[in-house]
N, C-alpha and C. Protein backbone atom coordinates (compact mmCIF):
# COMPACT_ATOMS: atom_id res chain seq x y z
N MET A 1 11.89 16.25 13.53
CA MET A 1 10.50 15.81 13.53
C MET A 1 9.64 16.72 12.66
N TRP A 2 9.78 18.05 12.84
CA TRP A 2 8.99 18.99 12.05
C TRP A 2 9.37 18.92 10.58
N ARG A 3 10.66 18.76 10.34
CA ARG A 3 11.14 18.69 8.96
C ARG A 3 10.53 17.48 8.24
N LYS A 4 10.46 16.37 8.94
CA LYS A 4 9.87 15.16 8.39
C LYS A 4 8.38 15.38 8.09
N ALA A 5 7.66 15.95 9.04
CA ALA A 5 6.23 16.19 8.87
C ALA A 5 5.98 17.17 7.72
N ILE A 6 6.78 18.22 7.65
CA ILE A 6 6.61 19.22 6.59
C ILE A 6 6.91 18.61 5.22
N SER A 7 7.95 17.77 5.15
CA SER A 7 8.29 17.18 3.86
C SER A 7 7.17 16.27 3.35
N TRP A 8 6.55 15.50 4.25
CA TRP A 8 5.43 14.65 3.84
C TRP A 8 4.17 15.48 3.55
N LEU A 9 4.00 16.57 4.28
CA LEU A 9 2.87 17.46 4.02
C LEU A 9 3.00 18.06 2.61
N LEU A 10 4.22 18.43 2.22
CA LEU A 10 4.44 18.96 0.87
C LEU A 10 4.09 17.92 -0.20
N VAL A 11 4.44 16.66 0.06
CA VAL A 11 4.08 15.57 -0.87
C VAL A 11 2.57 15.51 -1.02
N LEU A 12 1.86 15.50 0.10
CA LEU A 12 0.40 15.40 0.07
C LEU A 12 -0.25 16.61 -0.58
N LEU A 13 0.28 17.80 -0.31
CA LEU A 13 -0.26 19.01 -0.94
C LEU A 13 -0.05 18.99 -2.45
N TRP A 14 1.13 18.54 -2.88
CA TRP A 14 1.41 18.46 -4.32
C TRP A 14 0.49 17.43 -4.98
N MET A 15 0.30 16.30 -4.33
CA MET A 15 -0.62 15.28 -4.85
C MET A 15 -2.03 15.85 -4.92
N GLY A 16 -2.40 16.63 -3.92
CA GLY A 16 -3.72 17.27 -3.93
C GLY A 16 -3.88 18.22 -5.10
N LEU A 17 -2.84 18.98 -5.40
CA LEU A 17 -2.89 19.89 -6.55
C LEU A 17 -3.02 19.11 -7.85
N ILE A 18 -2.26 18.04 -8.00
CA ILE A 18 -2.37 17.20 -9.19
C ILE A 18 -3.79 16.65 -9.31
N PHE A 19 -4.33 16.16 -8.21
CA PHE A 19 -5.69 15.61 -8.20
C PHE A 19 -6.71 16.69 -8.59
N TYR A 20 -6.53 17.88 -8.02
CA TYR A 20 -7.44 18.99 -8.32
C TYR A 20 -7.42 19.33 -9.82
N LEU A 21 -6.23 19.43 -10.38
CA LEU A 21 -6.12 19.76 -11.80
C LEU A 21 -6.68 18.64 -12.67
N SER A 22 -6.50 17.40 -12.24
CA SER A 22 -7.04 16.26 -12.99
C SER A 22 -8.55 16.16 -12.90
N HIS A 23 -9.10 16.76 -11.87
CA HIS A 23 -10.55 16.70 -11.68
C HIS A 23 -11.29 17.74 -12.51
N GLN A 24 -10.56 18.65 -13.14
CA GLN A 24 -11.20 19.65 -13.99
C GLN A 24 -11.78 18.97 -15.23
N PRO A 25 -13.00 19.29 -15.58
CA PRO A 25 -13.55 18.76 -16.83
C PRO A 25 -12.66 19.17 -18.02
N ALA A 26 -12.76 18.43 -19.11
CA ALA A 26 -11.89 18.63 -20.26
C ALA A 26 -11.88 20.08 -20.75
N VAL A 27 -13.03 20.73 -20.77
CA VAL A 27 -13.11 22.10 -21.27
C VAL A 27 -12.28 23.04 -20.40
N GLU A 28 -12.41 22.92 -19.07
CA GLU A 28 -11.65 23.78 -18.17
C GLU A 28 -10.15 23.51 -18.28
N SER A 29 -9.79 22.25 -18.37
CA SER A 29 -8.39 21.87 -18.47
C SER A 29 -7.79 22.41 -19.77
N ALA A 30 -8.53 22.28 -20.86
CA ALA A 30 -8.06 22.78 -22.16
C ALA A 30 -7.92 24.30 -22.14
N ASN A 31 -8.86 24.98 -21.49
CA ASN A 31 -8.77 26.44 -21.39
C ASN A 31 -7.53 26.87 -20.61
N LEU A 32 -7.23 26.15 -19.53
CA LEU A 32 -6.05 26.47 -18.73
C LEU A 32 -4.78 26.30 -19.55
N SER A 33 -4.64 25.15 -20.22
CA SER A 33 -3.42 24.92 -21.00
C SER A 33 -3.37 25.81 -22.23
N SER A 34 -4.52 26.17 -22.79
CA SER A 34 -4.53 27.09 -23.94
C SER A 34 -4.07 28.48 -23.51
N GLY A 35 -4.48 28.92 -22.33
CA GLY A 35 -4.05 30.21 -21.82
C GLY A 35 -2.54 30.26 -21.61
N ILE A 36 -2.00 29.16 -21.07
CA ILE A 36 -0.55 29.08 -20.87
C ILE A 36 0.15 29.07 -22.23
N MET A 37 -0.40 28.30 -23.16
CA MET A 37 0.19 28.22 -24.49
C MET A 37 0.22 29.58 -25.17
N GLU A 38 -0.86 30.34 -25.08
CA GLU A 38 -0.91 31.65 -25.72
C GLU A 38 0.15 32.59 -25.16
N ARG A 39 0.35 32.54 -23.85
CA ARG A 39 1.39 33.39 -23.22
C ARG A 39 2.78 33.00 -23.71
N ILE A 40 3.01 31.70 -23.82
CA ILE A 40 4.32 31.23 -24.30
C ILE A 40 4.53 31.62 -25.76
N LEU A 41 3.48 31.48 -26.57
CA LEU A 41 3.59 31.85 -27.99
C LEU A 41 3.89 33.34 -28.16
N VAL A 42 3.29 34.17 -27.34
CA VAL A 42 3.56 35.61 -27.40
C VAL A 42 5.03 35.86 -27.06
N LEU A 43 5.52 35.19 -26.03
CA LEU A 43 6.91 35.35 -25.62
C LEU A 43 7.85 34.87 -26.73
N ILE A 44 7.55 33.72 -27.31
CA ILE A 44 8.38 33.19 -28.40
C ILE A 44 8.40 34.16 -29.57
N ASP A 45 7.23 34.71 -29.89
CA ASP A 45 7.13 35.64 -31.02
C ASP A 45 7.96 36.91 -30.77
N ARG A 46 8.06 37.32 -29.53
CA ARG A 46 8.88 38.50 -29.20
C ARG A 46 10.37 38.21 -29.36
N VAL A 47 10.75 36.97 -29.06
CA VAL A 47 12.16 36.59 -29.11
C VAL A 47 12.57 36.18 -30.53
N ILE A 48 11.73 35.38 -31.18
CA ILE A 48 12.03 34.89 -32.53
C ILE A 48 10.89 35.33 -33.45
N VAL A 49 11.01 36.50 -34.00
CA VAL A 49 9.97 37.08 -34.83
C VAL A 49 9.79 36.25 -36.10
N GLY A 50 8.53 35.95 -36.42
CA GLY A 50 8.21 35.25 -37.66
C GLY A 50 8.27 33.74 -37.59
N LEU A 51 8.60 33.18 -36.43
CA LEU A 51 8.63 31.72 -36.29
C LEU A 51 7.22 31.17 -36.35
N ARG A 52 7.00 30.19 -37.20
CA ARG A 52 5.67 29.58 -37.33
C ARG A 52 5.60 28.32 -36.48
N ILE A 53 4.57 28.29 -35.62
CA ILE A 53 4.37 27.15 -34.73
C ILE A 53 2.93 26.68 -34.90
N ASP A 54 2.78 25.38 -35.12
CA ASP A 54 1.44 24.79 -35.22
C ASP A 54 0.81 24.79 -33.83
N PRO A 55 -0.27 25.58 -33.62
CA PRO A 55 -0.87 25.69 -32.28
C PRO A 55 -1.36 24.36 -31.72
N ASP A 56 -1.93 23.49 -32.56
CA ASP A 56 -2.43 22.21 -32.06
C ASP A 56 -1.29 21.33 -31.56
N HIS A 57 -0.22 21.28 -32.32
CA HIS A 57 0.93 20.47 -31.92
C HIS A 57 1.58 21.07 -30.66
N PHE A 58 1.69 22.38 -30.62
CA PHE A 58 2.30 23.05 -29.47
C PHE A 58 1.45 22.85 -28.21
N HIS A 59 0.13 22.88 -28.38
CA HIS A 59 -0.79 22.65 -27.25
C HIS A 59 -0.58 21.25 -26.69
N PHE A 60 -0.40 20.28 -27.57
CA PHE A 60 -0.14 18.90 -27.17
C PHE A 60 1.16 18.83 -26.35
N ILE A 61 2.20 19.51 -26.83
CA ILE A 61 3.48 19.52 -26.15
C ILE A 61 3.36 20.16 -24.76
N ILE A 62 2.60 21.26 -24.68
CA ILE A 62 2.39 21.94 -23.38
C ILE A 62 1.71 20.99 -22.40
N ARG A 63 0.66 20.30 -22.85
CA ARG A 63 -0.09 19.40 -21.97
C ARG A 63 0.78 18.25 -21.46
N LYS A 64 1.56 17.67 -22.36
CA LYS A 64 2.40 16.54 -21.96
C LYS A 64 3.57 17.01 -21.10
N SER A 65 4.09 18.18 -21.38
CA SER A 65 5.17 18.74 -20.56
C SER A 65 4.67 19.00 -19.14
N ALA A 66 3.44 19.41 -19.01
CA ALA A 66 2.86 19.64 -17.69
C ALA A 66 2.85 18.35 -16.87
N HIS A 67 2.53 17.23 -17.53
CA HIS A 67 2.57 15.93 -16.85
C HIS A 67 3.98 15.66 -16.34
N PHE A 68 4.96 15.80 -17.23
CA PHE A 68 6.35 15.52 -16.88
C PHE A 68 6.80 16.39 -15.71
N ILE A 69 6.54 17.68 -15.80
CA ILE A 69 6.99 18.63 -14.77
C ILE A 69 6.31 18.36 -13.43
N ALA A 70 5.00 18.08 -13.46
CA ALA A 70 4.28 17.82 -12.20
C ALA A 70 4.86 16.61 -11.48
N TYR A 71 5.18 15.57 -12.23
CA TYR A 71 5.71 14.36 -11.60
C TYR A 71 7.21 14.45 -11.34
N PHE A 72 7.91 15.29 -12.07
CA PHE A 72 9.31 15.61 -11.76
C PHE A 72 9.37 16.20 -10.34
N ILE A 73 8.49 17.16 -10.10
CA ILE A 73 8.42 17.80 -8.78
C ILE A 73 7.97 16.79 -7.72
N LEU A 74 6.98 15.96 -8.06
CA LEU A 74 6.52 14.95 -7.10
C LEU A 74 7.66 14.00 -6.75
N GLY A 75 8.45 13.58 -7.73
CA GLY A 75 9.58 12.69 -7.47
C GLY A 75 10.56 13.32 -6.49
N ILE A 76 10.87 14.60 -6.70
CA ILE A 76 11.77 15.32 -5.80
C ILE A 76 11.19 15.37 -4.38
N LEU A 77 9.91 15.71 -4.30
CA LEU A 77 9.28 15.82 -2.97
C LEU A 77 9.23 14.48 -2.25
N VAL A 78 8.93 13.41 -2.98
CA VAL A 78 8.83 12.09 -2.35
C VAL A 78 10.21 11.61 -1.88
N ILE A 79 11.22 11.74 -2.73
CA ILE A 79 12.55 11.25 -2.32
C ILE A 79 13.09 12.10 -1.17
N ASN A 80 12.77 13.38 -1.16
CA ASN A 80 13.17 14.24 -0.04
C ASN A 80 12.46 13.81 1.24
N ALA A 81 11.17 13.50 1.14
CA ALA A 81 10.42 13.06 2.32
C ALA A 81 10.98 11.73 2.85
N LEU A 82 11.34 10.84 1.95
CA LEU A 82 11.94 9.58 2.39
C LEU A 82 13.29 9.83 3.07
N LYS A 83 14.05 10.76 2.52
CA LYS A 83 15.35 11.09 3.11
C LYS A 83 15.17 11.68 4.51
N THR A 84 14.24 12.61 4.66
CA THR A 84 14.02 13.21 5.97
C THR A 84 13.43 12.21 6.96
N SER A 85 12.88 11.12 6.44
CA SER A 85 12.37 10.04 7.30
C SER A 85 13.46 9.00 7.58
N ARG A 86 14.68 9.33 7.19
CA ARG A 86 15.83 8.45 7.39
C ARG A 86 15.67 7.12 6.65
N MET A 87 15.09 7.19 5.47
CA MET A 87 14.90 6.00 4.64
C MET A 87 15.63 6.19 3.31
N MET A 88 16.95 6.18 3.36
CA MET A 88 17.70 6.34 2.12
C MET A 88 18.54 5.10 1.86
N SER A 89 18.02 4.30 0.95
CA SER A 89 18.73 3.12 0.48
C SER A 89 18.22 2.86 -0.92
N LEU A 90 18.79 1.87 -1.57
CA LEU A 90 18.32 1.52 -2.91
C LEU A 90 16.84 1.14 -2.86
N ARG A 91 16.47 0.44 -1.81
CA ARG A 91 15.05 0.05 -1.63
C ARG A 91 14.15 1.28 -1.51
N SER A 92 14.62 2.30 -0.82
CA SER A 92 13.84 3.53 -0.64
C SER A 92 13.60 4.24 -1.97
N ILE A 93 14.60 4.18 -2.85
CA ILE A 93 14.45 4.79 -4.17
C ILE A 93 13.32 4.10 -4.93
N PHE A 94 13.29 2.78 -4.84
CA PHE A 94 12.21 2.04 -5.51
C PHE A 94 10.86 2.31 -4.85
N ILE A 95 10.86 2.48 -3.54
CA ILE A 95 9.62 2.84 -2.83
C ILE A 95 9.13 4.21 -3.30
N GLY A 96 10.05 5.16 -3.39
CA GLY A 96 9.70 6.50 -3.88
C GLY A 96 9.13 6.47 -5.28
N LEU A 97 9.78 5.71 -6.15
CA LEU A 97 9.29 5.59 -7.52
C LEU A 97 7.92 4.90 -7.54
N ALA A 98 7.76 3.87 -6.72
CA ALA A 98 6.47 3.16 -6.66
C ALA A 98 5.35 4.10 -6.20
N ILE A 99 5.64 4.96 -5.23
CA ILE A 99 4.63 5.93 -4.77
C ILE A 99 4.20 6.80 -5.93
N CYS A 100 5.16 7.31 -6.69
CA CYS A 100 4.86 8.20 -7.81
C CYS A 100 4.10 7.47 -8.92
N VAL A 101 4.54 6.28 -9.27
CA VAL A 101 3.89 5.53 -10.36
C VAL A 101 2.48 5.12 -9.97
N LEU A 102 2.31 4.64 -8.75
CA LEU A 102 0.96 4.25 -8.30
C LEU A 102 0.03 5.46 -8.25
N PHE A 103 0.57 6.61 -7.86
CA PHE A 103 -0.26 7.82 -7.86
C PHE A 103 -0.61 8.21 -9.29
N ALA A 104 0.34 8.07 -10.21
CA ALA A 104 0.07 8.39 -11.62
C ALA A 104 -1.03 7.48 -12.17
N ILE A 105 -0.96 6.21 -11.85
CA ILE A 105 -1.99 5.26 -12.30
C ILE A 105 -3.34 5.63 -11.70
N SER A 106 -3.36 5.91 -10.39
CA SER A 106 -4.63 6.26 -9.75
C SER A 106 -5.20 7.56 -10.32
N ASP A 107 -4.32 8.48 -10.69
CA ASP A 107 -4.75 9.75 -11.27
C ASP A 107 -5.41 9.52 -12.63
N GLU A 108 -4.84 8.65 -13.44
CA GLU A 108 -5.43 8.36 -14.75
C GLU A 108 -6.75 7.60 -14.60
N VAL A 109 -6.85 6.72 -13.63
CA VAL A 109 -8.12 6.03 -13.36
C VAL A 109 -9.16 7.06 -12.91
N HIS A 110 -8.75 7.98 -12.07
CA HIS A 110 -9.64 9.05 -11.60
C HIS A 110 -10.21 9.84 -12.78
N GLN A 111 -9.37 10.10 -13.77
CA GLN A 111 -9.81 10.88 -14.92
C GLN A 111 -10.89 10.18 -15.76
N LEU A 112 -11.00 8.87 -15.62
CA LEU A 112 -12.05 8.13 -16.32
C LEU A 112 -13.44 8.58 -15.88
N PHE A 113 -13.52 9.17 -14.69
CA PHE A 113 -14.80 9.59 -14.12
C PHE A 113 -15.03 11.10 -14.20
N VAL A 114 -14.14 11.79 -14.90
CA VAL A 114 -14.25 13.24 -15.06
C VAL A 114 -14.78 13.53 -16.46
N PRO A 115 -15.82 14.38 -16.57
CA PRO A 115 -16.43 14.66 -17.87
C PRO A 115 -15.41 15.11 -18.93
N GLY A 116 -15.41 14.39 -20.04
CA GLY A 116 -14.56 14.74 -21.17
C GLY A 116 -13.11 14.30 -21.04
N ARG A 117 -12.75 13.72 -19.91
CA ARG A 117 -11.36 13.29 -19.70
C ARG A 117 -11.26 11.79 -19.91
N ALA A 118 -10.06 11.31 -20.11
CA ALA A 118 -9.83 9.88 -20.30
C ALA A 118 -8.50 9.52 -19.67
N GLY A 119 -8.44 8.36 -19.07
CA GLY A 119 -7.17 7.87 -18.54
C GLY A 119 -6.34 7.34 -19.69
N GLN A 120 -5.07 7.69 -19.72
CA GLN A 120 -4.21 7.28 -20.82
C GLN A 120 -2.92 6.65 -20.29
N VAL A 121 -2.60 5.49 -20.83
CA VAL A 121 -1.38 4.78 -20.43
C VAL A 121 -0.16 5.65 -20.74
N MET A 122 -0.17 6.34 -21.88
CA MET A 122 0.97 7.18 -22.25
C MET A 122 1.21 8.27 -21.20
N ASP A 123 0.16 8.78 -20.60
CA ASP A 123 0.34 9.79 -19.54
C ASP A 123 1.02 9.18 -18.32
N VAL A 124 0.71 7.94 -18.00
CA VAL A 124 1.39 7.27 -16.88
C VAL A 124 2.87 7.11 -17.21
N VAL A 125 3.18 6.80 -18.46
CA VAL A 125 4.58 6.68 -18.87
C VAL A 125 5.30 8.02 -18.74
N ILE A 126 4.65 9.09 -19.20
CA ILE A 126 5.24 10.43 -19.10
C ILE A 126 5.41 10.83 -17.64
N ASP A 127 4.37 10.59 -16.83
CA ASP A 127 4.43 10.89 -15.40
C ASP A 127 5.58 10.13 -14.73
N SER A 128 5.67 8.85 -15.04
CA SER A 128 6.72 8.01 -14.44
C SER A 128 8.10 8.47 -14.85
N THR A 129 8.24 8.86 -16.11
CA THR A 129 9.52 9.38 -16.60
C THR A 129 9.89 10.67 -15.86
N GLY A 130 8.90 11.53 -15.65
CA GLY A 130 9.14 12.75 -14.88
C GLY A 130 9.58 12.44 -13.46
N ALA A 131 8.93 11.46 -12.82
CA ALA A 131 9.29 11.07 -11.45
C ALA A 131 10.70 10.50 -11.40
N ILE A 132 11.05 9.67 -12.37
CA ILE A 132 12.41 9.10 -12.43
C ILE A 132 13.43 10.23 -12.58
N ALA A 133 13.13 11.18 -13.45
CA ALA A 133 14.04 12.31 -13.66
C ALA A 133 14.17 13.15 -12.38
N GLY A 134 13.07 13.39 -11.69
CA GLY A 134 13.11 14.16 -10.45
C GLY A 134 13.91 13.46 -9.36
N ILE A 135 13.66 12.18 -9.19
CA ILE A 135 14.38 11.39 -8.19
C ILE A 135 15.87 11.34 -8.54
N SER A 136 16.17 11.07 -9.80
CA SER A 136 17.57 10.99 -10.25
C SER A 136 18.27 12.33 -10.10
N GLY A 137 17.59 13.39 -10.47
CA GLY A 137 18.17 14.72 -10.34
C GLY A 137 18.46 15.07 -8.89
N TYR A 138 17.52 14.75 -8.01
CA TYR A 138 17.69 15.01 -6.58
C TYR A 138 18.91 14.25 -6.06
N LEU A 139 18.97 12.94 -6.37
CA LEU A 139 20.07 12.12 -5.87
C LEU A 139 21.40 12.55 -6.49
N GLY A 140 21.38 12.90 -7.78
CA GLY A 140 22.60 13.36 -8.44
C GLY A 140 23.12 14.65 -7.84
N LEU A 141 22.23 15.59 -7.60
CA LEU A 141 22.62 16.88 -7.01
C LEU A 141 23.12 16.67 -5.59
N GLU A 142 22.44 15.80 -4.85
CA GLU A 142 22.86 15.50 -3.49
C GLU A 142 24.27 14.91 -3.48
N LYS A 143 24.54 13.98 -4.39
CA LYS A 143 25.88 13.37 -4.49
C LYS A 143 26.92 14.39 -4.87
N LEU A 144 26.58 15.26 -5.81
CA LEU A 144 27.50 16.29 -6.26
C LEU A 144 27.85 17.25 -5.12
N LEU A 145 26.86 17.62 -4.34
CA LEU A 145 27.09 18.53 -3.21
C LEU A 145 27.84 17.88 -2.07
N ARG A 146 27.69 16.57 -1.93
CA ARG A 146 28.36 15.82 -0.86
C ARG A 146 29.84 15.61 -1.16
N ASP A 147 30.17 15.43 -2.43
CA ASP A 147 31.57 15.15 -2.83
C ASP A 147 32.41 16.37 -2.93
């Protein structure tokens, strides 16, 4: 019972974090991803000296990767919550994916009302791809460990 409640609580907390980050105005969001990008560029420069990276293109990659990773984790959390709720069937997998995709759509709609932000269909595609990868990875690892 506690495991089930905790697994769903983790889903809701992760969704809350995604919502919180999406609610940041464009300037704050750009500053956050720029700070992450600068740290990564410093690390890359230490490992591969003299490598030239276009900062604008790299910033774009960082932002889109964040979408993928956030929904990858959400997919794992949702499918785990469904499993702990004793809902593991092909139908449950589609329910888990639907939860993630509908949340991605609602998140992009939410961004339409945040200063400087815009809802983008491509972000829903990236989010959904991340969720599919997370769900698939979870199920694949579970199968591998079971066999």
